Amino acid sequence: MPSEEGGDKSRKSLKTGHRRILEGRVVSDKPDKTIVVLVERYVQHPLYKKYYKRSKKFMAHDEHNECRVGDLVRIIEWRPLSRRKRWMLKEIVERAK
């Protein structure tokens, strides 16, 4: 019986895990209450050991339409809000100039 209880605890810890936080630039704010954030990261080539940029776009929910193109923002992983939106705006780090 103790092994079953341990299994339940491990399942609960998976549900309450930490949400990922990413930082990137807003490349589009056209849809209502939505922003498109470009997140760049550096990865190392497995053979040549050279670092190069990899980028990916994420759609995030912006409840008050406060972001503009060029803003540096942090987004947090969230429950699915639509087909492509699984991120929520956490904060604006730096406004576009």
PDB file of N, CA and C in Angstrom:
ATOM      1  N   MET A   1       0.786  -1.207   0.000  1.00  0.00           N
ATOM      2  CA  MET A   1       0.000   0.000   0.000  1.00  0.00           C
ATOM      3  C   MET A   1       0.833   1.280   0.000  1.00  0.00           C
ATOM      4  N   PRO A   2       1.952   1.366   0.725  1.00  0.00           N
ATOM      5  CA  PRO A   2       2.722   2.612   0.734  1.00  0.00           C
ATOM      6  C   PRO A   2       3.187   3.032  -0.658  1.00  0.00           C
ATOM      7  N   SER A   3       3.449   2.057  -1.536  1.00  0.00           N
ATOM      8  CA  SER A   3       3.925   2.413  -2.874  1.00  0.00           C
ATOM      9  C   SER A   3       2.841   3.150  -3.662  1.00  0.00           C
ATOM     10  N   GLU A   4       1.571   2.779  -3.435  1.00  0.00           N
ATOM     11  CA  GLU A   4       0.481   3.468  -4.129  1.00  0.00           C
ATOM     12  C   GLU A   4       0.375   4.915  -3.674  1.00  0.00           C
ATOM     13  N   GLU A   5       0.528   5.149  -2.370  1.00  0.00           N
ATOM     14  CA  GLU A   5       0.467   6.518  -1.857  1.00  0.00           C
ATOM     15  C   GLU A   5       1.596   7.356  -2.440  1.00  0.00           C
ATOM     16  N   GLY A   6       2.770   6.760  -2.529  1.00  0.00           N
ATOM     17  CA  GLY A   6       3.909   7.467  -3.117  1.00  0.00           C
ATOM     18  C   GLY A   6       3.642   7.846  -4.558  1.00  0.00           C
ATOM     19  N   GLY A   7       2.945   6.958  -5.278  1.00  0.00           N
ATOM     20  CA  GLY A   7       2.593   7.244  -6.664  1.00  0.00           C
ATOM     21  C   GLY A   7       1.668   8.444  -6.771  1.00  0.00           C
ATOM     22  N   ASP A   8       0.711   8.549  -5.841  1.00  0.00           N
ATOM     23  CA  ASP A   8      -0.204   9.688  -5.849  1.00  0.00           C
ATOM     24  C   ASP A   8       0.542  10.991  -5.589  1.00  0.00           C
ATOM     25  N   LYS A   9       1.481  10.959  -4.673  1.00  0.00           N
ATOM     26  CA  LYS A   9       2.241  12.170  -4.357  1.00  0.00           C
ATOM     27  C   LYS A   9       3.065  12.630  -5.554  1.00  0.00           C
ATOM     28  N   SER A  10       3.674  11.678  -6.249  1.00  0.00           N
ATOM     29  CA  SER A  10       4.496  12.065  -7.395  1.00  0.00           C
ATOM     30  C   SER A  10       3.625  12.655  -8.501  1.00  0.00           C
ATOM     31  N   ARG A  11       2.416  12.144  -8.655  1.00  0.00           N
ATOM     32  CA  ARG A  11       1.512  12.689  -9.665  1.00  0.00           C
ATOM     33  C   ARG A  11       1.120  14.119  -9.311  1.00  0.00           C
ATOM     34  N   LYS A  12       0.868  14.384  -8.041  1.00  0.00           N
ATOM     35  CA  LYS A  12       0.503  15.731  -7.610  1.00  0.00           C
ATOM     36  C   LYS A  12       1.651  16.706  -7.837  1.00  0.00           C
ATOM     37  N   SER A  13       2.873  16.269  -7.578  1.00  0.00           N
ATOM     38  CA  SER A  13       4.015  17.166  -7.751  1.00  0.00           C
ATOM     39  C   SER A  13       4.207  17.531  -9.220  1.00  0.00           C
ATOM     40  N   LEU A  14       3.834  16.626 -10.135  1.00  0.00           N
ATOM     41  CA  LEU A  14       3.931  16.948 -11.554  1.00  0.00           C
ATOM     42  C   LEU A  14       2.919  18.024 -11.928  1.00  0.00           C
ATOM     43  N   LYS A  15       1.729  17.965 -11.354  1.00  0.00           N
ATOM     44  CA  LYS A  15       0.696  18.945 -11.667  1.00  0.00           C
ATOM     45  C   LYS A  15       1.062  20.337 -11.157  1.00  0.00           C
ATOM     46  N   THR A  16       1.671  20.411 -10.002  1.00  0.00           N
ATOM     47  CA  THR A  16       1.970  21.707  -9.402  1.00  0.00           C
ATOM     48  C   THR A  16       3.397  22.154  -9.703  1.00  0.00           C
ATOM     49  N   GLY A  17       3.963  21.685 -10.794  1.00  0.00           N
ATOM     50  CA  GLY A  17       5.329  22.057 -11.149  1.00  0.00           C
ATOM     51  C   GLY A  17       5.441  23.525 -11.509  1.00  0.00           C
ATOM     52  N   HIS A  18       6.659  24.003 -11.637  1.00  0.00           N
ATOM     53  CA  HIS A  18       6.886  25.404 -11.974  1.00  0.00           C
ATOM     54  C   HIS A  18       6.573  25.652 -13.436  1.00  0.00           C
ATOM     55  N   ARG A  19       6.048  26.834 -13.705  1.00  0.00           N
ATOM     56  CA  ARG A  19       5.770  27.210 -15.087  1.00  0.00           C
ATOM     57  C   ARG A  19       7.005  27.863 -15.679  1.00  0.00           C
ATOM     58  N   ARG A  20       7.254  27.569 -16.947  1.00  0.00           N
ATOM     59  CA  ARG A  20       8.411  28.152 -17.614  1.00  0.00           C
ATOM     60  C   ARG A  20       8.180  29.637 -17.863  1.00  0.00           C
ATOM     61  N   ILE A  21       9.250  30.412 -17.801  1.00  0.00           N
ATOM     62  CA  ILE A  21       9.202  31.843 -18.093  1.00  0.00           C
ATOM     63  C   ILE A  21      10.218  32.111 -19.189  1.00  0.00           C
ATOM     64  N   LEU A  22       9.779  32.779 -20.265  1.00  0.00           N
ATOM     65  CA  LEU A  22      10.651  33.111 -21.383  1.00  0.00           C
ATOM     66  C   LEU A  22      10.679  34.618 -21.580  1.00  0.00           C
ATOM     67  N   GLU A  23      11.770  35.099 -22.178  1.00  0.00           N
ATOM     68  CA  GLU A  23      11.926  36.526 -22.450  1.00  0.00           C
ATOM     69  C   GLU A  23      12.176  36.710 -23.934  1.00  0.00           C
ATOM     70  N   GLY A  24      11.506  37.694 -24.527  1.00  0.00           N
ATOM     71  CA  GLY A  24      11.675  37.920 -25.957  1.00  0.00           C
ATOM     72  C   GLY A  24      11.098  39.253 -26.393  1.00  0.00           C
ATOM     73  N   ARG A  25      11.204  39.527 -27.698  1.00  0.00           N
ATOM     74  CA  ARG A  25      10.716  40.778 -28.298  1.00  0.00           C
ATOM     75  C   ARG A  25       9.352  40.562 -28.934  1.00  0.00           C
ATOM     76  N   VAL A  26       8.494  41.562 -28.802  1.00  0.00           N
ATOM     77  CA  VAL A  26       7.181  41.520 -29.444  1.00  0.00           C
ATOM     78  C   VAL A  26       7.372  41.852 -30.918  1.00  0.00           C
ATOM     79  N   VAL A  27       6.944  40.952 -31.802  1.00  0.00           N
ATOM     80  CA  VAL A  27       7.072  41.189 -33.242  1.00  0.00           C
ATOM     81  C   VAL A  27       5.730  41.525 -33.880  1.00  0.00           C
ATOM     82  N   SER A  28       4.625  41.248 -33.169  1.00  0.00           N
ATOM     83  CA  SER A  28       3.308  41.600 -33.698  1.00  0.00           C
ATOM     84  C   SER A  28       2.331  41.789 -32.545  1.00  0.00           C
ATOM     85  N   ASP A  29       1.480  42.805 -32.683  1.00  0.00           N
ATOM     86  CA  ASP A  29       0.415  43.026 -31.704  1.00  0.00           C
ATOM     87  C   ASP A  29      -0.925  43.241 -32.408  1.00  0.00           C
ATOM     88  N   LYS A  30      -1.050  42.729 -33.618  1.00  0.00           N
ATOM     89  CA  LYS A  30      -2.244  42.949 -34.440  1.00  0.00           C
ATOM     90  C   LYS A  30      -3.509  42.284 -33.877  1.00  0.00           C
ATOM     91  N   PRO A  31      -3.471  41.001 -33.483  1.00  0.00           N
ATOM     92  CA  PRO A  31      -4.714  40.401 -32.983  1.00  0.00           C
ATOM     93  C   PRO A  31      -5.133  41.029 -31.652  1.00  0.00           C
ATOM     94  N   ASP A  32      -6.426  41.047 -31.385  1.00  0.00           N
ATOM     95  CA  ASP A  32      -6.934  41.614 -30.140  1.00  0.00           C
ATOM     96  C   ASP A  32      -6.524  40.740 -28.957  1.00  0.00           C
ATOM     97  N   LYS A  33      -5.948  41.372 -27.935  1.00  0.00           N
ATOM     98  CA  LYS A  33      -5.515  40.709 -26.697  1.00  0.00           C
ATOM     99  C   LYS A  33      -4.486  39.609 -26.930  1.00  0.00           C
ATOM    100  N   THR A  34      -3.715  39.721 -28.002  1.00  0.00           N
ATOM    101  CA  THR A  34      -2.696  38.718 -28.321  1.00  0.00           C
ATOM    102  C   THR A  34      -1.431  39.408 -28.806  1.00  0.00           C
ATOM    103  N   ILE A  35      -0.279  38.878 -28.410  1.00  0.00           N
ATOM    104  CA  ILE A  35       1.008  39.344 -28.933  1.00  0.00           C
ATOM    105  C   ILE A  35       1.777  38.136 -29.445  1.00  0.00           C
ATOM    106  N   VAL A  36       2.649  38.392 -30.412  1.00  0.00           N
ATOM    107  CA  VAL A  36       3.544  37.352 -30.916  1.00  0.00           C
ATOM    108  C   VAL A  36       4.939  37.724 -30.438  1.00  0.00           C
ATOM    109  N   VAL A  37       5.567  36.825 -29.689  1.00  0.00           N
ATOM    110  CA  VAL A  37       6.866  37.085 -29.068  1.00  0.00           C
ATOM    111  C   VAL A  37       7.920  36.201 -29.718  1.00  0.00           C
ATOM    112  N   LEU A  38       9.017  36.821 -30.172  1.00  0.00           N
ATOM    113  CA  LEU A  38      10.136  36.089 -30.755  1.00  0.00           C
ATOM    114  C   LEU A  38      11.168  35.854 -29.661  1.00  0.00           C
ATOM    115  N   VAL A  39      11.413  34.582 -29.345  1.00  0.00           N
ATOM    116  CA  VAL A  39      12.377  34.207 -28.306  1.00  0.00           C
ATOM    117  C   VAL A  39      13.605  33.634 -28.991  1.00  0.00           C
ATOM    118  N   GLU A  40      14.759  34.248 -28.728  1.00  0.00           N
ATOM    119  CA  GLU A  40      16.020  33.762 -29.297  1.00  0.00           C
ATOM    120  C   GLU A  40      16.845  33.101 -28.209  1.00  0.00           C
ATOM    121  N   ARG A  41      17.506  32.014 -28.570  1.00  0.00           N
ATOM    122  CA  ARG A  41      18.402  31.336 -27.637  1.00  0.00           C
ATOM    123  C   ARG A  41      19.627  30.857 -28.400  1.00  0.00           C
ATOM    124  N   TYR A  42      20.710  30.639 -27.686  1.00  0.00           N
ATOM    125  CA  TYR A  42      21.938  30.142 -28.291  1.00  0.00           C
ATOM    126  C   TYR A  42      22.065  28.656 -28.013  1.00  0.00           C
ATOM    127  N   VAL A  43      22.369  27.891 -29.060  1.00  0.00           N
ATOM    128  CA  VAL A  43      22.605  26.457 -28.917  1.00  0.00           C
ATOM    129  C   VAL A  43      23.980  26.120 -29.471  1.00  0.00           C
ATOM    130  N   GLN A  44      24.564  25.077 -28.928  1.00  0.00           N
ATOM    131  CA  GLN A  44      25.893  24.670 -29.360  1.00  0.00           C
ATOM    132  C   GLN A  44      25.772  23.528 -30.367  1.00  0.00           C
ATOM    133  N   HIS A  45      26.509  23.630 -31.465  1.00  0.00           N
ATOM    134  CA  HIS A  45      26.524  22.568 -32.465  1.00  0.00           C
ATOM    135  C   HIS A  45      27.179  21.340 -31.843  1.00  0.00           C
ATOM    136  N   PRO A  46      26.562  20.170 -31.978  1.00  0.00           N
ATOM    137  CA  PRO A  46      27.093  18.989 -31.303  1.00  0.00           C
ATOM    138  C   PRO A  46      28.480  18.551 -31.770  1.00  0.00           C
ATOM    139  N   LEU A  47      28.796  18.751 -33.044  1.00  0.00           N
ATOM    140  CA  LEU A  47      30.081  18.303 -33.564  1.00  0.00           C
ATOM    141  C   LEU A  47      31.128  19.411 -33.524  1.00  0.00           C
ATOM    142  N   TYR A  48      30.764  20.599 -34.008  1.00  0.00           N
ATOM    143  CA  TYR A  48      31.740  21.679 -34.157  1.00  0.00           C
ATOM    144  C   TYR A  48      31.836  22.598 -32.948  1.00  0.00           C
ATOM    145  N   LYS A  49      30.944  22.454 -31.990  1.00  0.00           N
ATOM    146  CA  LYS A  49      30.967  23.200 -30.725  1.00  0.00           C
ATOM    147  C   LYS A  49      30.805  24.708 -30.901  1.00  0.00           C
ATOM    148  N   LYS A  50      30.340  25.137 -32.063  1.00  0.00           N
ATOM    149  CA  LYS A  50      30.113  26.560 -32.289  1.00  0.00           C
ATOM    150  C   LYS A  50      28.695  26.904 -31.816  1.00  0.00           C
ATOM    151  N   TYR A  51      28.540  28.082 -31.211  1.00  0.00           N
ATOM    152  CA  TYR A  51      27.228  28.537 -30.772  1.00  0.00           C
ATOM    153  C   TYR A  51      26.548  29.315 -31.885  1.00  0.00           C
ATOM    154  N   TYR A  52      25.257  29.087 -32.058  1.00  0.00           N
ATOM    155  CA  TYR A  52      24.492  29.823 -33.058  1.00  0.00           C
ATOM    156  C   TYR A  52      23.085  30.079 -32.510  1.00  0.00           C
ATOM    157  N   LYS A  53      22.398  31.060 -33.122  1.00  0.00           N
ATOM    158  CA  LYS A  53      21.076  31.468 -32.653  1.00  0.00           C
ATOM    159  C   LYS A  53      19.986  30.556 -33.190  1.00  0.00           C
ATOM    160  N   ARG A  54      19.045  30.258 -32.319  1.00  0.00           N
ATOM    161  CA  ARG A  54      17.819  29.576 -32.703  1.00  0.00           C
ATOM    162  C   ARG A  54      16.677  30.459 -32.203  1.00  0.00           C
ATOM    163  N   SER A  55      15.655  30.630 -33.016  1.00  0.00           N
ATOM    164  CA  SER A  55      14.539  31.469 -32.586  1.00  0.00           C
ATOM    165  C   SER A  55      13.220  30.742 -32.793  1.00  0.00           C
ATOM    166  N   LYS A  56      12.243  31.141 -31.998  1.00  0.00           N
ATOM    167  CA  LYS A  56      10.912  30.558 -32.095  1.00  0.00           C
ATOM    168  C   LYS A  56       9.896  31.623 -31.703  1.00  0.00           C
ATOM    169  N   LYS A  57       8.740  31.598 -32.364  1.00  0.00           N
ATOM    170  CA  LYS A  57       7.680  32.561 -32.064  1.00  0.00           C
ATOM    171  C   LYS A  57       6.620  31.902 -31.184  1.00  0.00           C
ATOM    172  N   PHE A  58       6.188  32.651 -30.176  1.00  0.00           N
ATOM    173  CA  PHE A  58       5.133  32.199 -29.279  1.00  0.00           C
ATOM    174  C   PHE A  58       4.012  33.223 -29.287  1.00  0.00           C
ATOM    175  N   MET A  59       2.765  32.744 -29.306  1.00  0.00           N
ATOM    176  CA  MET A  59       1.619  33.632 -29.169  1.00  0.00           C
ATOM    177  C   MET A  59       1.257  33.678 -27.693  1.00  0.00           C
ATOM    178  N   ALA A  60       1.076  34.896 -27.164  1.00  0.00           N
ATOM    179  CA  ALA A  60       0.797  35.066 -25.742  1.00  0.00           C
ATOM    180  C   ALA A  60      -0.413  35.972 -25.549  1.00  0.00           C
ATOM    181  N   HIS A  61      -1.107  35.772 -24.446  1.00  0.00           N
ATOM    182  CA  HIS A  61      -2.298  36.553 -24.121  1.00  0.00           C
ATOM    183  C   HIS A  61      -1.889  37.863 -23.452  1.00  0.00           C
ATOM    184  N   ASP A  62      -2.400  38.974 -23.980  1.00  0.00           N
ATOM    185  CA  ASP A  62      -2.150  40.316 -23.436  1.00  0.00           C
ATOM    186  C   ASP A  62      -3.513  40.922 -23.115  1.00  0.00           C
ATOM    187  N   GLU A  63      -3.976  40.727 -21.899  1.00  0.00           N
ATOM    188  CA  GLU A  63      -5.346  41.069 -21.502  1.00  0.00           C
ATOM    189  C   GLU A  63      -5.718  42.526 -21.767  1.00  0.00           C
ATOM    190  N   HIS A  64      -4.807  43.463 -21.500  1.00  0.00           N
ATOM    191  CA  HIS A  64      -5.134  44.892 -21.602  1.00  0.00           C
ATOM    192  C   HIS A  64      -4.562  45.553 -22.850  1.00  0.00           C
ATOM    193  N   ASN A  65      -4.065  44.796 -23.791  1.00  0.00           N
ATOM    194  CA  ASN A  65      -3.470  45.332 -25.028  1.00  0.00           C
ATOM    195  C   ASN A  65      -2.429  46.416 -24.736  1.00  0.00           C
ATOM    196  N   GLU A  66      -1.544  46.160 -23.769  1.00  0.00           N
ATOM    197  CA  GLU A  66      -0.575  47.171 -23.364  1.00  0.00           C
ATOM    198  C   GLU A  66       0.770  47.054 -24.081  1.00  0.00           C
ATOM    199  N   CYS A  67       1.039  45.962 -24.773  1.00  0.00           N
ATOM    200  CA  CYS A  67       2.328  45.780 -25.456  1.00  0.00           C
ATOM    201  C   CYS A  67       2.304  46.374 -26.852  1.00  0.00           C
ATOM    202  N   ARG A  68       3.469  46.845 -27.289  1.00  0.00           N
ATOM    203  CA  ARG A  68       3.656  47.362 -28.642  1.00  0.00           C
ATOM    204  C   ARG A  68       4.808  46.611 -29.293  1.00  0.00           C
ATOM    205  N   VAL A  69       4.889  46.684 -30.605  1.00  0.00           N
ATOM    206  CA  VAL A  69       5.968  46.015 -31.344  1.00  0.00           C
ATOM    207  C   VAL A  69       7.307  46.585 -30.882  1.00  0.00           C
ATOM    208  N   GLY A  70       8.248  45.705 -30.586  1.00  0.00           N
ATOM    209  CA  GLY A  70       9.578  46.114 -30.153  1.00  0.00           C
ATOM    210  C   GLY A  70       9.789  46.039 -28.654  1.00  0.00           C
ATOM    211  N   ASP A  71       8.726  45.876 -27.871  1.00  0.00           N
ATOM    212  CA  ASP A  71       8.863  45.764 -26.419  1.00  0.00           C
ATOM    213  C   ASP A  71       9.570  44.464 -26.053  1.00  0.00           C
ATOM    214  N   LEU A  72      10.381  44.527 -25.002  1.00  0.00           N
ATOM    215  CA  LEU A  72      11.008  43.336 -24.434  1.00  0.00           C
ATOM    216  C   LEU A  72      10.098  42.860 -23.306  1.00  0.00           C
ATOM    217  N   VAL A  73       9.610  41.615 -23.392  1.00  0.00           N
ATOM    218  CA  VAL A  73       8.620  41.124 -22.428  1.00  0.00           C
ATOM    219  C   VAL A  73       9.017  39.766 -21.866  1.00  0.00           C
ATOM    220  N   ARG A  74       8.405  39.435 -20.724  1.00  0.00           N
ATOM    221  CA  ARG A  74       8.510  38.093 -20.155  1.00  0.00           C
ATOM    222  C   ARG A  74       7.129  37.461 -20.247  1.00  0.00           C
ATOM    223  N   ILE A  75       7.102  36.203 -20.708  1.00  0.00           N
ATOM    224  CA  ILE A  75       5.845  35.470 -20.797  1.00  0.00           C
ATOM    225  C   ILE A  75       5.948  34.213 -19.943  1.00  0.00           C
ATOM    226  N   ILE A  76       4.808  33.774 -19.428  1.00  0.00           N
ATOM    227  CA  ILE A  76       4.778  32.616 -18.544  1.00  0.00           C
ATOM    228  C   ILE A  76       3.864  31.554 -19.153  1.00  0.00           C
ATOM    229  N   GLU A  77       4.247  30.303 -18.967  1.00  0.00           N
ATOM    230  CA  GLU A  77       3.463  29.185 -19.483  1.00  0.00           C
ATOM    231  C   GLU A  77       2.102  29.168 -18.790  1.00  0.00           C
ATOM    232  N   TRP A  78       1.045  28.901 -19.553  1.00  0.00           N
ATOM    233  CA  TRP A  78      -0.312  28.985 -19.036  1.00  0.00           C
ATOM    234  C   TRP A  78      -1.145  27.849 -19.600  1.00  0.00           C
ATOM    235  N   ARG A  79      -2.373  27.740 -19.170  1.00  0.00           N
ATOM    236  CA  ARG A  79      -3.275  26.738 -19.736  1.00  0.00           C
ATOM    237  C   ARG A  79      -3.623  27.133 -21.172  1.00  0.00           C
ATOM    238  N   PRO A  80      -4.041  26.208 -22.014  1.00  0.00           N
ATOM    239  CA  PRO A  80      -4.404  26.573 -23.383  1.00  0.00           C
ATOM    240  C   PRO A  80      -5.569  27.563 -23.406  1.00  0.00           C
ATOM    241  N   LEU A  81      -5.353  28.694 -24.075  1.00  0.00           N
ATOM    242  CA  LEU A  81      -6.387  29.721 -24.195  1.00  0.00           C
ATOM    243  C   LEU A  81      -7.060  29.667 -25.557  1.00  0.00           C
ATOM    244  N   SER A  82      -6.359  29.151 -26.547  1.00  0.00           N
ATOM    245  CA  SER A  82      -6.911  28.941 -27.879  1.00  0.00           C
ATOM    246  C   SER A  82      -6.043  27.885 -28.554  1.00  0.00           C
ATOM    247  N   ARG A  83      -6.198  27.727 -29.861  1.00  0.00           N
ATOM    248  CA  ARG A  83      -5.448  26.672 -30.546  1.00  0.00           C
ATOM    249  C   ARG A  83      -3.943  26.881 -30.447  1.00  0.00           C
ATOM    250  N   ARG A  84      -3.470  28.127 -30.540  1.00  0.00           N
ATOM    251  CA  ARG A  84      -2.028  28.385 -30.551  1.00  0.00           C
ATOM    252  C   ARG A  84      -1.522  29.154 -29.335  1.00  0.00           C
ATOM    253  N   LYS A  85      -2.416  29.614 -28.468  1.00  0.00           N
ATOM    254  CA  LYS A  85      -2.006  30.415 -27.305  1.00  0.00           C
ATOM    255  C   LYS A  85      -1.928  29.571 -26.043  1.00  0.00           C
ATOM    256  N   ARG A  86      -0.703  29.410 -25.527  1.00  0.00           N
ATOM    257  CA  ARG A  86      -0.492  28.705 -24.269  1.00  0.00           C
ATOM    258  C   ARG A  86       0.416  29.500 -23.348  1.00  0.00           C
ATOM    259  N   TRP A  87       0.537  30.786 -23.583  1.00  0.00           N
ATOM    260  CA  TRP A  87       1.417  31.664 -22.818  1.00  0.00           C
ATOM    261  C   TRP A  87       0.651  32.916 -22.417  1.00  0.00           C
ATOM    262  N   MET A  88       1.070  33.535 -21.301  1.00  0.00           N
ATOM    263  CA  MET A  88       0.428  34.742 -20.786  1.00  0.00           C
ATOM    264  C   MET A  88       1.516  35.784 -20.530  1.00  0.00           C
ATOM    265  N   LEU A  89       1.207  37.041 -20.816  1.00  0.00           N
ATOM    266  CA  LEU A  89       2.148  38.127 -20.548  1.00  0.00           C
ATOM    267  C   LEU A  89       2.348  38.248 -19.049  1.00  0.00           C
ATOM    268  N   LYS A  90       3.601  38.203 -18.605  1.00  0.00           N
ATOM    269  CA  LYS A  90       3.897  38.350 -17.182  1.00  0.00           C
ATOM    270  C   LYS A  90       4.268  39.789 -16.870  1.00  0.00           C
ATOM    271  N   GLU A  91       5.213  40.350 -17.650  1.00  0.00           N
ATOM    272  CA  GLU A  91       5.621  41.739 -17.420  1.00  0.00           C
ATOM    273  C   GLU A  91       6.315  42.294 -18.646  1.00  0.00           C
ATOM    274  N   ILE A  92       6.317  43.618 -18.730  1.00  0.00           N
ATOM    275  CA  ILE A  92       7.060  44.309 -19.779  1.00  0.00           C
ATOM    276  C   ILE A  92       8.383  44.731 -19.159  1.00  0.00           C
ATOM    277  N   VAL A  93       9.480  44.202 -19.676  1.00  0.00           N
ATOM    278  CA  VAL A  93      10.804  44.481 -19.125  1.00  0.00           C
ATOM    279  C   VAL A  93      11.291  45.842 -19.608  1.00  0.00           C
ATOM    280  N   GLU A  94      11.118  46.101 -20.910  1.00  0.00           N
ATOM    281  CA  GLU A  94      11.628  47.345 -21.500  1.00  0.00           C
ATOM    282  C   GLU A  94      10.701  47.765 -22.634  1.00  0.00           C
ATOM    283  N   ARG A  95      10.340  49.043 -22.644  1.00  0.00           N
ATOM    284  CA  ARG A  95       9.489  49.577 -23.708  1.00  0.00           C
ATOM    285  C   ARG A  95      10.306  49.844 -24.964  1.00  0.00           C
ATOM    286  N   ALA A  96       9.655  49.760 -26.125  1.00  0.00           N
ATOM    287  CA  ALA A  96      10.325  50.065 -27.392  1.00  0.00           C
ATOM    288  C   ALA A  96      10.593  51.561 -27.466  1.00  0.00           C
ATOM    289  N   LYS A  97      11.693  51.918 -28.119  1.00  0.00           N
ATOM    290  CA  LYS A  97      12.060  53.339 -28.217  1.00  0.00           C
ATOM    291  C   LYS A  97      11.453  53.982 -29.424  1.00  0.00           C
TER     292      LYS A  97
END
